[in-house]
């Protein structure tokens, strides 16, 4: 795993000047060249994203959705920290809200970094220990159609 460096990233478009803490998790920036092609193949599987989403869910729950992690960017390559909460039993986030370095508690920063590390380590583990294969499956659907009376 290559060294991760926390950055400030525009959470919407650069015109709104809203930034937050982020990690650049683009494959070519964080994965050793020997594993890159396997990771790109893994990205086409739902199982990889299930593992990553579970890690992010655990982070969100740890902070009662007051702090949330999500992917952002044109290619979704940045792990970004968001503010949020729970209203009427439903979680919400505020992706357009500027978050300064000073307003993020140190335990959140530490957990956010650990989340980024865990995502990379999980991805590397899967790339080293699994391969992707094509699997054919059939989906049976029911649909409404017109029938003459």
C-alpha atoms as a PDB file:
ATOM      1  CA  UNK A   1       0.000   0.000   0.000  1.00  0.00           C
ATOM      2  CA  UNK A   2       1.267   3.425  -0.877  1.00  0.00           C
ATOM      3  CA  UNK A   3       1.215   6.259   1.658  1.00  0.00           C
ATOM      4  CA  UNK A   4      -2.119   8.030   2.028  1.00  0.00           C
ATOM      5  CA  UNK A   5      -2.137  11.790   2.357  1.00  0.00           C
ATOM      6  CA  UNK A   6      -5.227  13.681   3.505  1.00  0.00           C
ATOM      7  CA  UNK A   7      -6.214  16.551   1.227  1.00  0.00           C
ATOM      8  CA  UNK A   8      -8.994  19.133   0.915  1.00  0.00           C
ATOM      9  CA  UNK A   9     -11.425  18.334  -1.878  1.00  0.00           C
ATOM     10  CA  UNK A  10     -14.305  20.282  -3.442  1.00  0.00           C
ATOM     11  CA  UNK A  11     -17.452  18.484  -2.330  1.00  0.00           C
ATOM     12  CA  UNK A  12     -19.659  19.784  -5.133  1.00  0.00           C
ATOM     13  CA  UNK A  13     -18.234  21.823  -7.992  1.00  0.00           C
ATOM     14  CA  UNK A  14     -15.275  24.109  -7.491  1.00  0.00           C
ATOM     15  CA  UNK A  15     -17.522  27.151  -8.065  1.00  0.00           C
ATOM     16  CA  UNK A  16     -19.232  26.777  -4.674  1.00  0.00           C
ATOM     17  CA  UNK A  17     -15.876  26.678  -2.852  1.00  0.00           C
ATOM     18  CA  UNK A  18     -17.122  24.009  -0.429  1.00  0.00           C
ATOM     19  CA  UNK A  19     -14.305  21.710   0.567  1.00  0.00           C
ATOM     20  CA  UNK A  20     -13.887  18.880   3.012  1.00  0.00           C
ATOM     21  CA  UNK A  21     -11.275  16.407   4.174  1.00  0.00           C
ATOM     22  CA  UNK A  22     -10.598  13.667   1.635  1.00  0.00           C
ATOM     23  CA  UNK A  23      -8.247  10.924   0.501  1.00  0.00           C
ATOM     24  CA  UNK A  24      -7.381  10.289  -3.118  1.00  0.00           C
ATOM     25  CA  UNK A  25      -8.124   6.570  -3.486  1.00  0.00           C
ATOM     26  CA  UNK A  26      -7.703   6.287  -7.230  1.00  0.00           C
ATOM     27  CA  UNK A  27      -6.296   2.867  -8.041  1.00  0.00           C
ATOM     28  CA  UNK A  28      -3.179   4.163  -9.786  1.00  0.00           C
ATOM     29  CA  UNK A  29      -2.348   6.341  -6.761  1.00  0.00           C
ATOM     30  CA  UNK A  30      -2.695   3.754  -4.003  1.00  0.00           C
ATOM     31  CA  UNK A  31      -2.310   0.231  -5.398  1.00  0.00           C
ATOM     32  CA  UNK A  32       1.068  -1.251  -6.304  1.00  0.00           C
ATOM     33  CA  UNK A  33       1.465  -1.738 -10.041  1.00  0.00           C
ATOM     34  CA  UNK A  34       1.581  -5.548  -9.708  1.00  0.00           C
ATOM     35  CA  UNK A  35      -2.026  -5.595  -8.418  1.00  0.00           C
ATOM     36  CA  UNK A  36      -3.611  -2.789 -10.448  1.00  0.00           C
ATOM     37  CA  UNK A  37      -5.076  -4.885 -13.260  1.00  0.00           C
ATOM     38  CA  UNK A  38      -6.618  -7.287 -10.748  1.00  0.00           C
ATOM     39  CA  UNK A  39      -8.128  -4.386  -8.823  1.00  0.00           C
ATOM     40  CA  UNK A  40      -9.602  -2.903 -11.993  1.00  0.00           C
ATOM     41  CA  UNK A  41     -11.219  -6.299 -12.665  1.00  0.00           C
ATOM     42  CA  UNK A  42     -12.499  -6.460  -9.065  1.00  0.00           C
ATOM     43  CA  UNK A  43     -14.179  -3.102  -9.533  1.00  0.00           C
ATOM     44  CA  UNK A  44     -16.612  -4.798 -11.912  1.00  0.00           C
ATOM     45  CA  UNK A  45     -17.857  -7.112  -9.159  1.00  0.00           C
ATOM     46  CA  UNK A  46     -20.557  -6.293  -6.657  1.00  0.00           C
ATOM     47  CA  UNK A  47     -18.668  -8.112  -3.884  1.00  0.00           C
ATOM     48  CA  UNK A  48     -15.858  -5.540  -3.799  1.00  0.00           C
ATOM     49  CA  UNK A  49     -18.351  -2.714  -3.383  1.00  0.00           C
ATOM     50  CA  UNK A  50     -20.248  -4.670  -0.743  1.00  0.00           C
ATOM     51  CA  UNK A  51     -17.055  -4.867   1.352  1.00  0.00           C
ATOM     52  CA  UNK A  52     -16.294  -1.166   0.864  1.00  0.00           C
ATOM     53  CA  UNK A  53     -19.882  -0.081   1.579  1.00  0.00           C
ATOM     54  CA  UNK A  54     -19.880  -2.120   4.789  1.00  0.00           C
ATOM     55  CA  UNK A  55     -16.727  -0.327   5.960  1.00  0.00           C
ATOM     56  CA  UNK A  56     -18.272   3.071   5.192  1.00  0.00           C
ATOM     57  CA  UNK A  57     -21.543   2.071   6.875  1.00  0.00           C
ATOM     58  CA  UNK A  58     -19.634   1.117  10.042  1.00  0.00           C
ATOM     59  CA  UNK A  59     -17.904   4.521   9.990  1.00  0.00           C
ATOM     60  CA  UNK A  60     -21.241   6.352   9.587  1.00  0.00           C
ATOM     61  CA  UNK A  61     -22.832   4.373  12.440  1.00  0.00           C
ATOM     62  CA  UNK A  62     -19.801   4.911  14.685  1.00  0.00           C
ATOM     63  CA  UNK A  63     -20.476   8.654  14.547  1.00  0.00           C
ATOM     64  CA  UNK A  64     -24.287   8.368  14.524  1.00  0.00           C
ATOM     65  CA  UNK A  65     -24.335   9.766  10.974  1.00  0.00           C
ATOM     66  CA  UNK A  66     -23.071  13.154  12.229  1.00  0.00           C
ATOM     67  CA  UNK A  67     -19.959  12.385  10.175  1.00  0.00           C
ATOM     68  CA  UNK A  68     -20.245  10.300   7.015  1.00  0.00           C
ATOM     69  CA  UNK A  69     -17.895   9.038   4.338  1.00  0.00           C
ATOM     70  CA  UNK A  70     -18.670   8.832   0.644  1.00  0.00           C
ATOM     71  CA  UNK A  71     -17.012   8.740  -2.726  1.00  0.00           C
ATOM     72  CA  UNK A  72     -16.881  11.861  -4.860  1.00  0.00           C
ATOM     73  CA  UNK A  73     -15.299  13.057  -8.077  1.00  0.00           C
ATOM     74  CA  UNK A  74     -15.887  12.445 -11.761  1.00  0.00           C
ATOM     75  CA  UNK A  75     -14.572   8.912 -11.472  1.00  0.00           C
ATOM     76  CA  UNK A  76     -15.521   8.486  -7.807  1.00  0.00           C
ATOM     77  CA  UNK A  77     -11.895   8.283  -6.763  1.00  0.00           C
ATOM     78  CA  UNK A  78     -11.980  10.498  -3.663  1.00  0.00           C
ATOM     79  CA  UNK A  79     -13.125   9.353  -0.240  1.00  0.00           C
ATOM     80  CA  UNK A  80     -14.693  12.488   1.244  1.00  0.00           C
ATOM     81  CA  UNK A  81     -15.899  13.355   4.747  1.00  0.00           C
ATOM     82  CA  UNK A  82     -19.420  14.823   4.999  1.00  0.00           C
ATOM     83  CA  UNK A  83     -21.580  16.288   7.758  1.00  0.00           C
ATOM     84  CA  UNK A  84     -25.018  14.822   8.268  1.00  0.00           C
ATOM     85  CA  UNK A  85     -27.361  13.453  10.832  1.00  0.00           C
ATOM     86  CA  UNK A  86     -30.625  11.652  11.376  1.00  0.00           C
ATOM     87  CA  UNK A  87     -34.004  13.327  10.935  1.00  0.00           C
ATOM     88  CA  UNK A  88     -37.266  11.411  11.496  1.00  0.00           C
ATOM     89  CA  UNK A  89     -35.322   8.152  11.570  1.00  0.00           C
ATOM     90  CA  UNK A  90     -33.653   8.763   8.186  1.00  0.00           C
ATOM     91  CA  UNK A  91     -30.007   9.568   7.619  1.00  0.00           C
ATOM     92  CA  UNK A  92     -29.144  12.652   5.555  1.00  0.00           C
ATOM     93  CA  UNK A  93     -25.889  14.243   4.419  1.00  0.00           C
ATOM     94  CA  UNK A  94     -24.813  17.739   3.476  1.00  0.00           C
ATOM     95  CA  UNK A  95     -22.384  17.284   0.558  1.00  0.00           C
ATOM     96  CA  UNK A  96     -22.329  20.970  -0.357  1.00  0.00           C
ATOM     97  CA  UNK A  97     -21.328  22.154   3.108  1.00  0.00           C
ATOM     98  CA  UNK A  98     -17.798  23.423   3.641  1.00  0.00           C
ATOM     99  CA  UNK A  99     -15.981  21.569   6.424  1.00  0.00           C
ATOM    100  CA  UNK A 100     -12.885  23.175   7.854  1.00  0.00           C
ATOM    101  CA  UNK A 101     -10.018  21.206   9.331  1.00  0.00           C
ATOM    102  CA  UNK A 102     -10.662  22.779  12.749  1.00  0.00           C
ATOM    103  CA  UNK A 103     -14.285  21.667  13.078  1.00  0.00           C
ATOM    104  CA  UNK A 104     -13.516  17.962  12.669  1.00  0.00           C
ATOM    105  CA  UNK A 105     -12.759  16.268  15.999  1.00  0.00           C
ATOM    106  CA  UNK A 106      -9.477  14.367  16.174  1.00  0.00           C
ATOM    107  CA  UNK A 107     -11.223  11.023  16.764  1.00  0.00           C
ATOM    108  CA  UNK A 108     -13.203  11.525  13.535  1.00  0.00           C
ATOM    109  CA  UNK A 109     -10.025  12.390  11.615  1.00  0.00           C
ATOM    110  CA  UNK A 110      -8.321   9.291  13.000  1.00  0.00           C
ATOM    111  CA  UNK A 111     -11.274   7.027  12.167  1.00  0.00           C
ATOM    112  CA  UNK A 112     -11.581   8.585   8.695  1.00  0.00           C
ATOM    113  CA  UNK A 113      -7.929   7.836   7.992  1.00  0.00           C
ATOM    114  CA  UNK A 114      -8.383   4.293   9.296  1.00  0.00           C
ATOM    115  CA  UNK A 115     -11.382   3.906   6.982  1.00  0.00           C
ATOM    116  CA  UNK A 116      -9.252   4.907   3.977  1.00  0.00           C
ATOM    117  CA  UNK A 117      -6.526   2.454   5.048  1.00  0.00           C
ATOM    118  CA  UNK A 118      -9.084  -0.323   5.580  1.00  0.00           C
ATOM    119  CA  UNK A 119     -10.580   0.246   2.121  1.00  0.00           C
ATOM    120  CA  UNK A 120      -7.152  -0.039   0.512  1.00  0.00           C
ATOM    121  CA  UNK A 121      -6.140  -3.082   2.578  1.00  0.00           C
ATOM    122  CA  UNK A 122      -9.437  -4.848   1.866  1.00  0.00           C
ATOM    123  CA  UNK A 123      -9.052  -4.171  -1.843  1.00  0.00           C
ATOM    124  CA  UNK A 124      -5.477  -5.460  -1.829  1.00  0.00           C
ATOM    125  CA  UNK A 125      -6.504  -8.567   0.112  1.00  0.00           C
ATOM    126  CA  UNK A 126      -9.247  -9.368  -2.385  1.00  0.00           C
ATOM    127  CA  UNK A 127      -6.902  -8.766  -5.325  1.00  0.00           C
ATOM    128  CA  UNK A 128      -4.260 -11.094  -3.850  1.00  0.00           C
ATOM    129  CA  UNK A 129      -6.640 -13.880  -2.834  1.00  0.00           C
ATOM    130  CA  UNK A 130      -9.447 -13.900  -5.386  1.00  0.00           C
ATOM    131  CA  UNK A 131      -9.905 -13.812  -9.121  1.00  0.00           C
ATOM    132  CA  UNK A 132     -12.867 -12.663 -11.150  1.00  0.00           C
ATOM    133  CA  UNK A 133     -14.809 -15.068 -13.318  1.00  0.00           C
ATOM    134  CA  UNK A 134     -17.809 -14.636 -15.570  1.00  0.00           C
ATOM    135  CA  UNK A 135     -20.964 -16.191 -14.246  1.00  0.00           C
ATOM    136  CA  UNK A 136     -24.137 -16.561 -16.264  1.00  0.00           C
ATOM    137  CA  UNK A 137     -27.418 -16.174 -14.464  1.00  0.00           C
ATOM    138  CA  UNK A 138     -31.041 -15.785 -15.390  1.00  0.00           C
ATOM    139  CA  UNK A 139     -33.437 -13.298 -13.918  1.00  0.00           C
ATOM    140  CA  UNK A 140     -37.084 -14.220 -14.031  1.00  0.00           C
ATOM    141  CA  UNK A 141     -39.412 -11.216 -14.171  1.00  0.00           C
ATOM    142  CA  UNK A 142     -43.145 -10.699 -14.168  1.00  0.00           C
ATOM    143  CA  UNK A 143     -44.632  -7.859 -16.166  1.00  0.00           C
ATOM    144  CA  UNK A 144     -48.047  -6.456 -16.919  1.00  0.00           C
ATOM    145  CA  UNK A 145     -49.314  -6.789 -20.481  1.00  0.00           C
ATOM    146  CA  UNK A 146     -52.555  -5.984 -22.254  1.00  0.00           C
ATOM    147  CA  UNK A 147     -54.960  -8.828 -22.872  1.00  0.00           C
ATOM    148  CA  UNK A 148     -58.002  -8.445 -25.069  1.00  0.00           C
ATOM    149  CA  UNK A 149     -61.283  -9.003 -23.255  1.00  0.00           C
END
